[in-house]
């Protein structure tokens, strides 16, 4: 899935992407990289996407960082929870790549 996301986003032109295999790895990357947008799944090893989102929204350094949740967890309850925790957008898998590109362009 990460490869598909990167390939889709790279169609926008020369962009730098950084990938994390887990929520914990994402937390380690944030202070070391210039990050303009976070794409996260809810279901990840170690720290899930909602915990990552909560960290981002409560940390003054990252609280305005745009976050898109991309997940198979697509019930109204899941979507509402992600958005109430501060996600800018919530995209349910499977998704249309053009929709992802539209959201990325709008948030950047």
N, C-alpha and C. Protein backbone atom coordinates (compact mmCIF):
# COMPACT_ATOMS: atom_id res chain seq x y z
N UNK A 1 0.83 -1.19 0.00
CA UNK A 1 0.00 0.00 0.00
C UNK A 1 0.87 1.25 0.00
N UNK A 2 1.96 1.23 0.79
CA UNK A 2 2.84 2.41 0.81
C UNK A 2 3.40 2.69 -0.58
N UNK A 3 3.77 1.64 -1.30
CA UNK A 3 4.31 1.82 -2.66
C UNK A 3 3.28 2.45 -3.58
N UNK A 4 2.02 2.03 -3.46
CA UNK A 4 0.94 2.61 -4.27
C UNK A 4 0.76 4.09 -3.93
N UNK A 5 0.79 4.41 -2.65
CA UNK A 5 0.63 5.81 -2.24
C UNK A 5 1.76 6.67 -2.78
N UNK A 6 2.99 6.18 -2.66
CA UNK A 6 4.15 6.94 -3.16
C UNK A 6 4.05 7.12 -4.67
N UNK A 7 3.74 6.05 -5.39
CA UNK A 7 3.64 6.14 -6.85
C UNK A 7 2.55 7.14 -7.25
N UNK A 8 1.45 7.13 -6.54
CA UNK A 8 0.36 8.06 -6.84
C UNK A 8 0.79 9.50 -6.59
N UNK A 9 1.39 9.75 -5.46
CA UNK A 9 1.79 11.12 -5.11
C UNK A 9 2.89 11.63 -6.02
N UNK A 10 3.78 10.74 -6.44
CA UNK A 10 4.88 11.17 -7.32
C UNK A 10 4.39 11.61 -8.69
N UNK A 11 3.15 11.30 -9.05
CA UNK A 11 2.62 11.80 -10.32
C UNK A 11 2.40 13.31 -10.27
N UNK A 12 2.43 13.89 -9.07
CA UNK A 12 2.29 15.35 -8.93
C UNK A 12 3.54 16.09 -9.38
N UNK A 13 4.64 15.37 -9.50
CA UNK A 13 5.91 16.00 -9.86
C UNK A 13 6.97 15.61 -8.86
N UNK A 14 8.05 16.35 -8.85
CA UNK A 14 9.15 16.00 -7.93
C UNK A 14 8.79 16.31 -6.48
N UNK A 15 8.44 15.28 -5.75
CA UNK A 15 8.15 15.42 -4.33
C UNK A 15 8.99 14.40 -3.57
N UNK A 16 9.38 14.76 -2.38
CA UNK A 16 10.13 13.84 -1.53
C UNK A 16 9.14 13.14 -0.62
N UNK A 17 9.21 11.83 -0.59
CA UNK A 17 8.35 11.06 0.31
C UNK A 17 9.23 10.32 1.31
N UNK A 18 8.72 10.17 2.49
CA UNK A 18 9.38 9.42 3.55
C UNK A 18 8.38 8.40 4.05
N UNK A 19 8.80 7.15 4.16
CA UNK A 19 7.89 6.10 4.57
C UNK A 19 8.25 5.57 5.96
N UNK A 20 7.23 5.22 6.70
CA UNK A 20 7.41 4.59 8.00
C UNK A 20 6.61 3.30 8.01
N UNK A 21 7.20 2.24 8.51
CA UNK A 21 6.53 0.94 8.55
C UNK A 21 5.64 0.78 9.77
N UNK A 22 5.76 1.70 10.73
CA UNK A 22 4.96 1.61 11.94
C UNK A 22 4.72 3.01 12.49
N UNK A 23 3.78 3.11 13.41
CA UNK A 23 3.52 4.40 14.04
C UNK A 23 4.70 4.88 14.85
N UNK A 24 5.40 3.96 15.51
CA UNK A 24 6.58 4.33 16.29
C UNK A 24 7.66 4.89 15.37
N UNK A 25 7.86 4.27 14.23
CA UNK A 25 8.85 4.76 13.27
C UNK A 25 8.46 6.15 12.76
N UNK A 26 7.18 6.38 12.55
CA UNK A 26 6.72 7.70 12.13
C UNK A 26 7.05 8.75 13.18
N UNK A 27 6.87 8.42 14.45
CA UNK A 27 7.21 9.35 15.53
C UNK A 27 8.70 9.66 15.56
N UNK A 28 9.53 8.70 15.21
CA UNK A 28 10.97 8.93 15.16
C UNK A 28 11.36 9.79 13.96
N UNK A 29 10.62 9.67 12.86
CA UNK A 29 10.94 10.41 11.63
C UNK A 29 10.54 11.88 11.74
N UNK A 30 9.42 12.16 12.38
CA UNK A 30 8.89 13.54 12.41
C UNK A 30 9.92 14.61 12.77
N UNK A 31 10.69 14.45 13.84
CA UNK A 31 11.65 15.52 14.16
C UNK A 31 12.89 15.55 13.27
N UNK A 32 13.11 14.51 12.49
CA UNK A 32 14.32 14.44 11.66
C UNK A 32 14.10 14.86 10.21
N UNK A 33 12.87 14.96 9.79
CA UNK A 33 12.55 15.27 8.39
C UNK A 33 11.63 16.49 8.31
N UNK A 34 11.71 17.20 7.22
CA UNK A 34 10.75 18.28 6.93
C UNK A 34 9.51 17.59 6.36
N UNK A 35 8.44 17.59 7.12
CA UNK A 35 7.22 16.89 6.72
C UNK A 35 6.13 17.93 6.47
N UNK A 36 5.52 17.87 5.28
CA UNK A 36 4.47 18.81 4.92
C UNK A 36 3.08 18.19 4.99
N UNK A 37 3.01 16.86 5.03
CA UNK A 37 1.73 16.15 5.03
C UNK A 37 1.97 14.73 5.54
N UNK A 38 1.03 14.22 6.33
CA UNK A 38 1.11 12.85 6.82
C UNK A 38 -0.07 12.06 6.28
N UNK A 39 0.24 10.89 5.71
CA UNK A 39 -0.78 9.93 5.33
C UNK A 39 -0.61 8.77 6.30
N UNK A 40 -1.66 8.37 6.97
CA UNK A 40 -1.56 7.28 7.92
C UNK A 40 -2.76 6.36 7.83
N UNK A 41 -2.53 5.13 8.19
CA UNK A 41 -3.60 4.15 8.32
C UNK A 41 -3.94 4.08 9.80
N UNK A 42 -5.11 3.60 10.12
CA UNK A 42 -5.44 3.37 11.53
C UNK A 42 -4.69 2.14 12.02
N UNK A 43 -4.70 1.08 11.23
CA UNK A 43 -4.10 -0.19 11.63
C UNK A 43 -2.63 -0.22 11.25
N UNK A 44 -1.78 -0.01 12.26
CA UNK A 44 -0.33 -0.06 12.07
C UNK A 44 0.28 -0.76 13.28
N UNK A 45 1.46 -1.35 13.09
CA UNK A 45 2.15 -1.96 14.24
C UNK A 45 2.55 -0.90 15.27
N UNK A 46 2.73 -1.33 16.48
CA UNK A 46 3.19 -0.48 17.59
C UNK A 46 2.16 0.56 17.98
N UNK A 47 2.22 1.70 17.34
CA UNK A 47 1.33 2.82 17.63
C UNK A 47 0.38 2.95 16.45
N UNK A 48 -0.93 2.91 16.69
CA UNK A 48 -1.85 2.97 15.56
C UNK A 48 -2.00 4.41 15.05
N UNK A 49 -2.66 4.55 13.93
CA UNK A 49 -2.79 5.85 13.28
C UNK A 49 -3.54 6.88 14.10
N UNK A 50 -4.49 6.44 14.91
CA UNK A 50 -5.22 7.39 15.76
C UNK A 50 -4.33 7.91 16.88
N UNK A 51 -3.47 7.05 17.42
CA UNK A 51 -2.51 7.49 18.43
C UNK A 51 -1.49 8.45 17.83
N UNK A 52 -1.04 8.15 16.62
CA UNK A 52 -0.12 9.04 15.91
C UNK A 52 -0.78 10.39 15.69
N UNK A 53 -2.01 10.38 15.24
CA UNK A 53 -2.76 11.61 15.02
C UNK A 53 -2.90 12.41 16.31
N UNK A 54 -3.22 11.74 17.40
CA UNK A 54 -3.35 12.42 18.69
C UNK A 54 -2.04 13.08 19.09
N UNK A 55 -0.93 12.39 18.88
CA UNK A 55 0.38 12.97 19.18
C UNK A 55 0.62 14.22 18.34
N UNK A 56 0.34 14.11 17.05
CA UNK A 56 0.56 15.24 16.14
C UNK A 56 -0.27 16.45 16.57
N UNK A 57 -1.51 16.23 16.91
CA UNK A 57 -2.41 17.34 17.26
C UNK A 57 -2.10 17.95 18.63
N UNK A 58 -1.45 17.21 19.52
CA UNK A 58 -1.14 17.76 20.84
C UNK A 58 0.28 18.31 20.93
N UNK A 59 1.08 18.11 19.90
CA UNK A 59 2.44 18.63 19.89
C UNK A 59 2.46 19.96 19.15
N UNK A 60 2.86 21.04 19.82
CA UNK A 60 2.84 22.36 19.17
C UNK A 60 3.65 22.43 17.87
N UNK A 61 4.69 21.61 17.75
CA UNK A 61 5.50 21.63 16.53
C UNK A 61 4.75 21.10 15.31
N UNK A 62 3.77 20.23 15.55
CA UNK A 62 3.11 19.55 14.44
C UNK A 62 1.60 19.76 14.39
N UNK A 63 1.04 20.51 15.31
CA UNK A 63 -0.42 20.57 15.42
C UNK A 63 -1.11 21.10 14.17
N UNK A 64 -0.40 21.84 13.33
CA UNK A 64 -1.01 22.33 12.08
C UNK A 64 -0.64 21.50 10.86
N UNK A 65 0.08 20.40 11.09
CA UNK A 65 0.49 19.51 10.01
C UNK A 65 -0.74 18.78 9.45
N UNK A 66 -0.99 18.89 8.15
CA UNK A 66 -2.14 18.19 7.58
C UNK A 66 -1.98 16.67 7.67
N UNK A 67 -3.08 15.99 8.02
CA UNK A 67 -3.08 14.54 8.16
C UNK A 67 -4.28 13.96 7.41
N UNK A 68 -4.00 12.96 6.58
CA UNK A 68 -5.04 12.21 5.90
C UNK A 68 -4.99 10.78 6.42
N UNK A 69 -6.10 10.29 6.92
CA UNK A 69 -6.20 8.88 7.29
C UNK A 69 -6.69 8.12 6.07
N UNK A 70 -5.98 7.03 5.75
CA UNK A 70 -6.38 6.15 4.65
C UNK A 70 -6.52 4.76 5.26
N UNK A 71 -7.73 4.24 5.34
CA UNK A 71 -7.95 3.02 6.09
C UNK A 71 -9.10 2.18 5.54
N UNK A 72 -9.04 0.90 5.85
CA UNK A 72 -10.17 0.02 5.54
C UNK A 72 -11.27 0.18 6.57
N UNK A 73 -10.96 0.81 7.70
CA UNK A 73 -11.94 1.06 8.75
C UNK A 73 -12.85 2.18 8.26
N UNK A 74 -13.96 1.82 7.63
CA UNK A 74 -14.77 2.81 6.94
C UNK A 74 -16.17 3.03 7.48
N UNK A 75 -16.42 2.59 8.71
CA UNK A 75 -17.75 2.84 9.27
C UNK A 75 -17.88 4.33 9.60
N UNK A 76 -19.10 4.80 9.71
CA UNK A 76 -19.34 6.21 10.06
C UNK A 76 -18.67 6.54 11.39
N UNK A 77 -18.72 5.58 12.32
CA UNK A 77 -18.11 5.77 13.64
C UNK A 77 -16.59 5.96 13.52
N UNK A 78 -15.94 5.13 12.68
CA UNK A 78 -14.49 5.24 12.48
C UNK A 78 -14.13 6.58 11.85
N UNK A 79 -14.87 6.95 10.82
CA UNK A 79 -14.60 8.21 10.12
C UNK A 79 -14.79 9.39 11.07
N UNK A 80 -15.90 9.39 11.80
CA UNK A 80 -16.16 10.48 12.75
C UNK A 80 -15.08 10.56 13.81
N UNK A 81 -14.62 9.41 14.29
CA UNK A 81 -13.57 9.41 15.31
C UNK A 81 -12.28 10.00 14.77
N UNK A 82 -11.87 9.59 13.57
CA UNK A 82 -10.65 10.12 12.96
C UNK A 82 -10.72 11.62 12.76
N UNK A 83 -11.85 12.08 12.26
CA UNK A 83 -12.02 13.52 12.01
C UNK A 83 -12.09 14.30 13.33
N UNK A 84 -12.75 13.71 14.34
CA UNK A 84 -12.85 14.42 15.62
C UNK A 84 -11.51 14.50 16.33
N UNK A 85 -10.61 13.57 16.05
CA UNK A 85 -9.27 13.63 16.63
C UNK A 85 -8.36 14.61 15.88
N UNK A 86 -8.84 15.11 14.74
CA UNK A 86 -8.09 16.15 14.05
C UNK A 86 -7.59 15.82 12.66
N UNK A 87 -7.98 14.67 12.11
CA UNK A 87 -7.58 14.39 10.73
C UNK A 87 -8.23 15.42 9.81
N UNK A 88 -7.48 15.87 8.82
CA UNK A 88 -8.04 16.82 7.86
C UNK A 88 -8.98 16.12 6.88
N UNK A 89 -8.64 14.87 6.56
CA UNK A 89 -9.45 14.09 5.63
C UNK A 89 -9.37 12.62 6.03
N UNK A 90 -10.36 11.87 5.58
CA UNK A 90 -10.42 10.43 5.85
C UNK A 90 -10.81 9.76 4.54
N UNK A 91 -9.95 8.91 4.05
CA UNK A 91 -10.17 8.22 2.78
C UNK A 91 -10.28 6.73 3.05
N UNK A 92 -11.38 6.12 2.60
CA UNK A 92 -11.62 4.70 2.86
C UNK A 92 -11.06 3.88 1.69
N UNK A 93 -10.31 2.81 2.05
CA UNK A 93 -9.80 1.86 1.06
C UNK A 93 -10.92 0.92 0.65
N UNK A 94 -10.97 0.48 -0.57
CA UNK A 94 -10.16 0.96 -1.68
C UNK A 94 -10.61 2.36 -2.10
N UNK A 95 -9.68 3.12 -2.62
CA UNK A 95 -9.97 4.49 -3.01
C UNK A 95 -9.53 4.72 -4.45
N UNK A 96 -10.02 5.77 -5.02
CA UNK A 96 -9.63 6.16 -6.37
C UNK A 96 -8.40 7.07 -6.25
N UNK A 97 -7.29 6.72 -6.90
CA UNK A 97 -6.08 7.52 -6.78
C UNK A 97 -6.28 9.02 -7.07
N UNK A 98 -7.17 9.33 -8.00
CA UNK A 98 -7.43 10.74 -8.32
C UNK A 98 -7.99 11.48 -7.10
N UNK A 99 -8.75 10.81 -6.27
CA UNK A 99 -9.29 11.43 -5.06
C UNK A 99 -8.16 11.74 -4.08
N UNK A 100 -7.22 10.80 -3.95
CA UNK A 100 -6.07 11.04 -3.09
C UNK A 100 -5.28 12.26 -3.59
N UNK A 101 -5.04 12.31 -4.89
CA UNK A 101 -4.30 13.44 -5.45
C UNK A 101 -5.01 14.75 -5.20
N UNK A 102 -6.31 14.75 -5.33
CA UNK A 102 -7.10 15.97 -5.07
C UNK A 102 -6.92 16.42 -3.62
N UNK A 103 -6.99 15.50 -2.68
CA UNK A 103 -6.85 15.83 -1.27
C UNK A 103 -5.44 16.34 -0.97
N UNK A 104 -4.43 15.67 -1.51
CA UNK A 104 -3.04 16.07 -1.28
C UNK A 104 -2.81 17.47 -1.83
N UNK A 105 -3.24 17.72 -3.04
CA UNK A 105 -3.05 19.06 -3.63
C UNK A 105 -3.76 20.14 -2.82
N UNK A 106 -4.94 19.84 -2.33
CA UNK A 106 -5.70 20.84 -1.56
C UNK A 106 -5.00 21.14 -0.23
N UNK A 107 -4.45 20.10 0.42
CA UNK A 107 -3.84 20.30 1.73
C UNK A 107 -2.44 20.87 1.66
N UNK A 108 -1.77 20.68 0.52
CA UNK A 108 -0.43 21.27 0.38
C UNK A 108 -0.55 22.67 -0.16
